[in-house]
Amino acid sequence: MARIGFIGLGNMGLPMVRNLVAAGHDVCAFDTQAPAVAKAVAAGAMAAADLGALVAGAAAVITMLPAGEQVREVYLGRDGIIGRARQGTLLIDSSTIDVETARAVHAAAAAAGFDMLDAPVSGGVAGAEAATLTFMVGGSGTAFAAARPILEKMGKAVIHAGGPGNGQAAKICNNLILGISMIGVCEAFALAERLGLPAQTLFDISSKSSGQCWSMTSYCPVPGPVPTSPANRDYRPGFTAAMMLKDLRLAEAAAESAGATVALGRAAAGLYHKFVGSGHGNLDFSSIIKLSQGNSDGGTEKFLPPSTEN
């Protein structure tokens, strides 16, 4: 089994490390938060004092970081991965970041002689814990083939999306669909409640009709119909509303750069912005049903897409 360096031991990264260790990999872990490192060590990983120690001897390095700023710093900084890794190390970034940053880091890695992949994930904390994540992977076919046996220890689907940055493109497009569809499902259940139609009845009908979608049948935002959904555990995430807002903002930025129109995505981002701003960012993103029900700060006022005027 390979020696793997893993940077970023948050809600997603830590269970991913646990699954790599359980699969027999020799994992060296790093995070700026000491308690997170201690948990990784308790799971069987080794602790790295710094990035230099982490990349030394690593066949692959995986990063799971909050945003593009941190990805640029960790890979491109003076003491970053690209400047300190040995030749032949495979670089895999599983953060969800903007496409521009992903492609810039890819280019820097290629110029230094490294194979690199952007490999963001879908599946949330539950998927990370159960090793059932979906990896959307951008990069060369050669790098993808080398990374696949590693990624398969953390996920049930590992899909090559194309060249550099295409993994990030796939992730933000997927979550654009998810964010919009969840709001539609929430509004339908809130309306049904006002009309006196029981949630279970609406679910039984729509889950077998044209309204069927993942947001309803796998992640229903009201308690009852889907026992495993966060609605049945006080909307503990899951995937937080703050993270959904981040991904919708990434989709907006990508659309602006590409000259694409995402009117519904912009409206969804406006709703999540209001919801997160009301102090609900740490709840699961499905809890945005509280807006439609009038249970969150701001009531049921209409939300307009953010202005694009300067």
Protein backbone atom coordinates (compact mmCIF):
# COMPACT_ATOMS: atom_id res chain seq x y z
CA MET A 1 0.00 0.00 0.00
CA ALA A 2 1.09 3.57 -0.70
CA ARG A 3 2.29 6.22 1.70
CA ILE A 4 -0.18 9.10 1.46
CA GLY A 5 0.13 12.61 2.81
CA PHE A 6 -3.22 14.17 3.76
CA ILE A 7 -3.71 17.87 4.51
CA GLY A 8 -6.96 19.16 5.99
CA LEU A 9 -8.63 17.16 8.75
CA GLY A 10 -12.03 18.82 9.03
CA ASN A 11 -15.48 17.26 8.91
CA MET A 12 -14.73 15.66 5.54
CA GLY A 13 -10.98 15.12 5.69
CA LEU A 14 -10.83 13.24 8.97
CA PRO A 15 -13.20 10.41 7.99
CA MET A 16 -11.46 10.18 4.62
CA VAL A 17 -8.19 9.63 6.47
CA ARG A 18 -9.82 6.97 8.62
CA ASN A 19 -10.95 5.09 5.51
CA LEU A 20 -7.48 5.26 3.95
CA VAL A 21 -5.95 3.88 7.15
CA ALA A 22 -8.60 1.14 7.32
CA ALA A 23 -7.70 0.18 3.75
CA GLY A 24 -4.09 -0.37 4.81
CA HIS A 25 -2.48 2.82 3.55
CA ASP A 26 0.35 4.49 5.45
CA VAL A 27 -1.13 7.96 6.05
CA CYS A 28 0.77 11.00 7.27
CA ALA A 29 -1.64 13.78 8.30
CA PHE A 30 -1.36 17.54 8.79
CA ASP A 31 -3.74 20.25 9.97
CA THR A 32 -3.35 23.60 11.68
CA GLN A 33 -5.75 22.42 14.41
CA ALA A 34 -4.00 20.13 16.91
CA PRO A 35 -7.19 18.35 18.09
CA ALA A 36 -7.93 17.28 14.52
CA VAL A 37 -4.41 15.86 14.17
CA ALA A 38 -4.84 14.00 17.45
CA LYS A 39 -8.02 12.37 16.14
CA ALA A 40 -6.21 11.29 12.97
CA VAL A 41 -3.39 9.79 15.03
CA ALA A 42 -5.95 7.96 17.17
CA ALA A 43 -7.32 6.47 13.94
CA GLY A 44 -3.87 5.13 12.99
CA ALA A 45 -2.34 7.97 10.96
CA MET A 46 1.03 9.57 11.65
CA ALA A 47 1.29 13.28 12.47
CA ALA A 48 3.44 15.54 10.30
CA ALA A 49 5.14 18.50 11.98
CA ASP A 50 4.98 20.54 8.76
CA LEU A 51 4.41 20.23 5.01
CA GLY A 52 8.02 19.25 4.43
CA ALA A 53 7.70 16.27 6.72
CA LEU A 54 4.37 15.35 5.18
CA VAL A 55 5.53 15.24 1.56
CA ALA A 56 8.81 13.46 2.31
CA GLY A 57 8.48 9.97 0.87
CA ALA A 58 4.81 10.36 -0.03
CA ALA A 59 3.63 8.64 -3.21
CA ALA A 60 0.54 10.84 -3.22
CA VAL A 61 -0.61 13.98 -1.41
CA ILE A 62 -4.32 14.71 -0.91
CA THR A 63 -5.65 18.10 0.19
CA MET A 64 -9.11 18.90 1.56
CA LEU A 65 -9.13 22.64 2.25
CA PRO A 66 -11.80 25.33 2.76
CA ALA A 67 -11.32 27.53 -0.30
CA GLY A 68 -9.15 28.51 -3.25
CA GLU A 69 -7.04 30.89 -1.16
CA GLN A 70 -5.83 28.05 1.05
CA VAL A 71 -5.26 25.76 -1.94
CA ARG A 72 -3.05 28.36 -3.62
CA GLU A 73 -1.06 28.88 -0.42
CA VAL A 74 -0.56 25.18 0.32
CA TYR A 75 0.51 24.30 -3.21
CA LEU A 76 2.14 27.50 -4.49
CA GLY A 77 3.49 29.16 -1.34
CA ARG A 78 7.20 29.50 -0.64
CA ASP A 79 7.16 26.36 1.48
CA GLY A 80 4.28 24.76 -0.42
CA ILE A 81 3.80 21.27 -1.77
CA ILE A 82 5.00 21.93 -5.30
CA GLY A 83 8.26 23.38 -4.04
CA ARG A 84 8.94 20.58 -1.55
CA ALA A 85 7.51 17.33 -2.92
CA ARG A 86 9.77 14.81 -4.59
CA GLN A 87 9.38 14.17 -8.30
CA GLY A 88 6.82 11.48 -9.03
CA THR A 89 4.48 12.46 -6.19
CA LEU A 90 0.86 12.46 -7.34
CA LEU A 91 -1.04 15.57 -6.22
CA ILE A 92 -4.80 15.36 -5.57
CA ASP A 93 -6.88 18.31 -4.42
CA SER A 94 -10.32 17.29 -3.14
CA SER A 95 -11.31 20.77 -1.97
CA THR A 96 -14.27 22.50 -3.61
CA ILE A 97 -12.86 25.69 -5.10
CA ASP A 98 -13.18 27.97 -8.12
CA VAL A 99 -12.27 26.57 -11.53
CA GLU A 100 -9.74 29.36 -12.18
CA THR A 101 -7.69 28.48 -9.10
CA ALA A 102 -7.86 24.77 -9.87
CA ARG A 103 -6.49 25.33 -13.37
CA ALA A 104 -3.80 27.74 -12.16
CA VAL A 105 -2.51 25.22 -9.60
CA HIS A 106 -2.67 22.45 -12.23
CA ALA A 107 -0.53 24.58 -14.56
CA ALA A 108 2.04 25.30 -11.83
CA ALA A 109 2.23 21.61 -10.93
CA ALA A 110 2.68 20.60 -14.58
CA ALA A 111 5.42 23.21 -15.05
CA ALA A 112 7.25 21.68 -12.07
CA GLY A 113 6.86 18.16 -13.49
CA PHE A 114 4.01 16.86 -11.30
CA ASP A 115 0.82 15.06 -12.23
CA MET A 116 -2.15 16.67 -10.52
CA LEU A 117 -5.89 16.12 -10.23
CA ASP A 118 -8.76 18.25 -8.98
CA ALA A 119 -11.08 15.72 -7.34
CA PRO A 120 -13.90 17.38 -5.39
CA VAL A 121 -16.50 15.15 -3.79
CA SER A 122 -20.22 14.80 -3.34
CA GLY A 123 -21.87 12.91 -0.49
CA GLY A 124 -21.30 15.07 2.57
CA VAL A 125 -20.05 13.95 5.95
CA ALA A 126 -22.15 10.78 5.87
CA GLY A 127 -20.57 9.80 2.56
CA ALA A 128 -17.09 10.54 3.86
CA GLU A 129 -17.69 8.39 6.93
CA ALA A 130 -19.18 5.49 4.95
CA ALA A 131 -16.62 5.69 2.10
CA THR A 132 -19.47 6.27 -0.38
CA LEU A 133 -18.35 9.61 -1.79
CA THR A 134 -18.56 10.47 -5.47
CA PHE A 135 -15.28 11.86 -6.81
CA MET A 136 -15.46 14.17 -9.86
CA VAL A 137 -11.94 14.17 -11.23
CA GLY A 138 -10.21 16.59 -13.57
CA GLY A 139 -6.76 15.96 -15.02
CA SER A 140 -4.90 13.67 -17.36
CA GLY A 141 -5.97 10.08 -17.99
CA THR A 142 -2.61 8.87 -16.71
CA ALA A 143 -2.96 10.70 -13.41
CA PHE A 144 -6.57 9.53 -13.08
CA ALA A 145 -5.54 5.90 -13.54
CA ALA A 146 -2.86 6.27 -10.85
CA ALA A 147 -5.23 7.93 -8.39
CA ARG A 148 -8.25 5.73 -8.88
CA PRO A 149 -7.19 2.87 -6.54
CA ILE A 150 -6.64 5.43 -3.77
CA LEU A 151 -9.87 7.33 -4.33
CA GLU A 152 -11.89 4.11 -4.46
CA LYS A 153 -10.99 3.50 -0.82
CA MET A 154 -12.92 6.66 0.06
CA GLY A 155 -15.78 6.60 -2.44
CA LYS A 156 -18.19 4.41 -4.36
CA ALA A 157 -17.97 6.37 -7.64
CA VAL A 158 -14.78 7.80 -9.15
CA ILE A 159 -15.56 9.55 -12.43
CA HIS A 160 -13.12 11.17 -14.84
CA ALA A 161 -14.65 14.51 -15.84
CA GLY A 162 -11.95 15.51 -18.33
CA GLY A 163 -9.00 17.86 -18.23
CA PRO A 164 -7.70 20.19 -15.50
CA GLY A 165 -10.46 22.03 -13.66
CA ASN A 166 -13.26 19.86 -15.00
CA GLY A 167 -13.71 18.14 -11.65
CA GLN A 168 -14.46 21.52 -10.09
CA ALA A 169 -16.73 22.41 -13.02
CA ALA A 170 -18.70 19.20 -12.48
CA LYS A 171 -18.97 19.83 -8.73
CA ILE A 172 -20.33 23.36 -8.98
CA CYS A 173 -22.77 22.42 -11.76
CA ASN A 174 -24.01 19.47 -9.69
CA ASN A 175 -24.48 21.62 -6.60
CA LEU A 176 -26.17 24.33 -8.63
CA ILE A 177 -28.82 21.73 -9.49
CA LEU A 178 -28.95 20.55 -5.87
CA GLY A 179 -29.32 24.01 -4.34
CA ILE A 180 -32.10 25.01 -6.72
CA SER A 181 -33.99 21.72 -6.46
CA MET A 182 -33.88 21.74 -2.66
CA ILE A 183 -35.54 25.15 -2.55
CA GLY A 184 -38.26 23.93 -4.92
CA VAL A 185 -38.94 20.90 -2.73
CA CYS A 186 -38.99 23.07 0.41
CA GLU A 187 -41.46 25.51 -1.10
CA ALA A 188 -43.74 22.66 -2.21
CA PHE A 189 -43.84 21.10 1.26
CA ALA A 190 -44.40 24.49 2.91
CA LEU A 191 -47.27 25.20 0.52
CA ALA A 192 -48.76 21.75 1.12
CA GLU A 193 -48.72 22.45 4.86
CA ARG A 194 -50.64 25.72 4.35
CA LEU A 195 -53.17 23.94 2.14
CA GLY A 196 -53.77 21.17 4.65
CA LEU A 197 -52.06 18.44 2.64
CA PRO A 198 -49.99 16.15 4.92
CA ALA A 199 -46.28 15.96 4.18
CA GLN A 200 -46.37 12.18 3.93
CA THR A 201 -49.17 12.34 1.39
CA LEU A 202 -47.29 14.83 -0.79
CA PHE A 203 -44.20 12.66 -0.54
CA ASP A 204 -46.09 9.49 -1.47
CA ILE A 205 -47.48 11.22 -4.56
CA SER A 206 -44.56 13.36 -5.76
CA SER A 207 -41.89 10.73 -5.10
CA LYS A 208 -43.66 8.60 -7.71
CA SER A 209 -44.59 11.44 -10.04
CA SER A 210 -42.90 14.14 -12.11
CA GLY A 211 -41.79 16.04 -8.99
CA GLN A 212 -39.44 13.22 -8.00
CA CYS A 213 -35.82 14.29 -7.39
CA TRP A 214 -32.93 13.46 -5.05
CA SER A 215 -33.73 16.42 -2.77
CA MET A 216 -37.10 14.84 -2.11
CA THR A 217 -36.54 11.09 -2.09
CA SER A 218 -33.10 10.94 -0.43
CA TYR A 219 -32.97 14.17 1.59
CA CYS A 220 -36.57 15.18 2.26
CA PRO A 221 -36.55 18.50 4.17
CA VAL A 222 -39.47 17.63 6.47
CA PRO A 223 -39.40 15.06 9.27
CA GLY A 224 -40.93 11.67 8.61
CA PRO A 225 -40.94 10.59 4.97
CA VAL A 226 -37.18 9.82 4.71
CA PRO A 227 -35.96 8.63 8.14
CA THR A 228 -32.28 9.16 7.32
CA SER A 229 -32.64 12.80 6.24
CA PRO A 230 -31.29 15.59 8.49
CA ALA A 231 -34.86 16.84 9.05
CA ASN A 232 -35.22 13.93 11.49
CA ARG A 233 -32.22 15.01 13.59
CA ASP A 234 -32.88 18.73 14.01
CA TYR A 235 -31.09 19.49 10.72
CA ARG A 236 -27.65 18.53 11.94
CA PRO A 237 -25.43 18.37 8.83
CA GLY A 238 -24.92 16.67 6.47
CA PHE A 239 -23.89 19.50 4.28
CA THR A 240 -24.26 22.91 5.86
CA ALA A 241 -26.22 25.85 4.53
CA ALA A 242 -22.98 27.86 4.60
CA MET A 243 -21.28 25.31 2.34
CA MET A 244 -24.22 25.38 -0.07
CA LEU A 245 -23.98 29.17 -0.22
CA LYS A 246 -20.26 28.88 -0.95
CA ASP A 247 -20.91 26.47 -3.84
CA LEU A 248 -23.70 28.62 -5.28
CA ARG A 249 -21.37 31.62 -5.18
CA LEU A 250 -18.73 29.57 -7.01
CA ALA A 251 -21.34 28.72 -9.65
CA GLU A 252 -22.25 32.40 -10.00
CA ALA A 253 -18.59 33.36 -10.44
CA ALA A 254 -18.00 30.61 -12.99
CA ALA A 255 -21.11 31.63 -14.93
CA GLU A 256 -19.98 35.24 -15.02
CA SER A 257 -16.55 34.21 -16.27
CA ALA A 258 -18.04 31.94 -18.94
CA GLY A 259 -20.78 34.34 -20.01
CA ALA A 260 -23.51 31.92 -18.91
CA THR A 261 -26.89 32.72 -17.36
CA VAL A 262 -27.82 31.19 -14.00
CA ALA A 263 -30.94 33.14 -13.03
CA LEU A 264 -32.32 30.45 -10.72
CA GLY A 265 -28.88 29.84 -9.27
CA ARG A 266 -28.58 33.54 -8.45
CA ALA A 267 -32.01 33.51 -6.81
CA ALA A 268 -31.08 30.41 -4.79
CA ALA A 269 -27.85 32.09 -3.67
CA GLY A 270 -29.89 35.08 -2.53
CA LEU A 271 -32.10 32.85 -0.41
CA TYR A 272 -29.16 31.01 1.14
CA HIS A 273 -27.38 34.30 1.76
CA LYS A 274 -30.40 35.53 3.73
CA PHE A 275 -30.70 32.23 5.60
CA VAL A 276 -27.03 32.01 6.52
CA GLY A 277 -27.02 35.69 7.49
CA SER A 278 -29.83 34.94 9.94
CA GLY A 279 -27.48 32.67 11.87
CA HIS A 280 -28.35 29.28 10.37
CA GLY A 281 -25.17 28.57 8.43
CA ASN A 282 -24.20 25.56 10.57
CA LEU A 283 -27.51 23.78 9.98
CA ASP A 284 -27.97 21.35 7.13
CA PHE A 285 -28.78 23.06 3.83
CA SER A 286 -32.20 21.37 3.77
CA SER A 287 -33.18 23.45 6.79
CA ILE A 288 -33.79 26.34 4.40
CA ILE A 289 -37.38 25.10 4.48
CA LYS A 290 -37.61 27.32 7.58
CA LEU A 291 -37.69 30.34 5.27
CA SER A 292 -40.66 28.99 3.32
CA GLN A 293 -42.42 28.09 6.55
CA GLY A 294 -41.79 31.53 8.01
CA ASN A 295 -39.82 30.06 10.92
CA SER A 296 -36.58 31.96 10.30
CA ASP A 297 -35.58 35.58 10.80
CA GLY A 298 -37.04 37.63 8.00
CA GLY A 299 -40.28 35.65 7.71
CA THR A 300 -41.58 34.88 4.25
CA GLU A 301 -40.60 38.12 2.51
CA LYS A 302 -39.70 37.88 -1.15
CA PHE A 303 -36.01 37.51 -1.98
CA LEU A 304 -34.61 39.00 -5.16
CA PRO A 305 -31.40 37.89 -6.88
CA PRO A 306 -28.40 40.01 -5.80
CA SER A 307 -27.81 42.96 -8.11
CA THR A 308 -24.98 42.62 -10.61
CA GLU A 309 -24.70 46.40 -11.03
CA ASN A 310 -21.45 48.07 -10.05
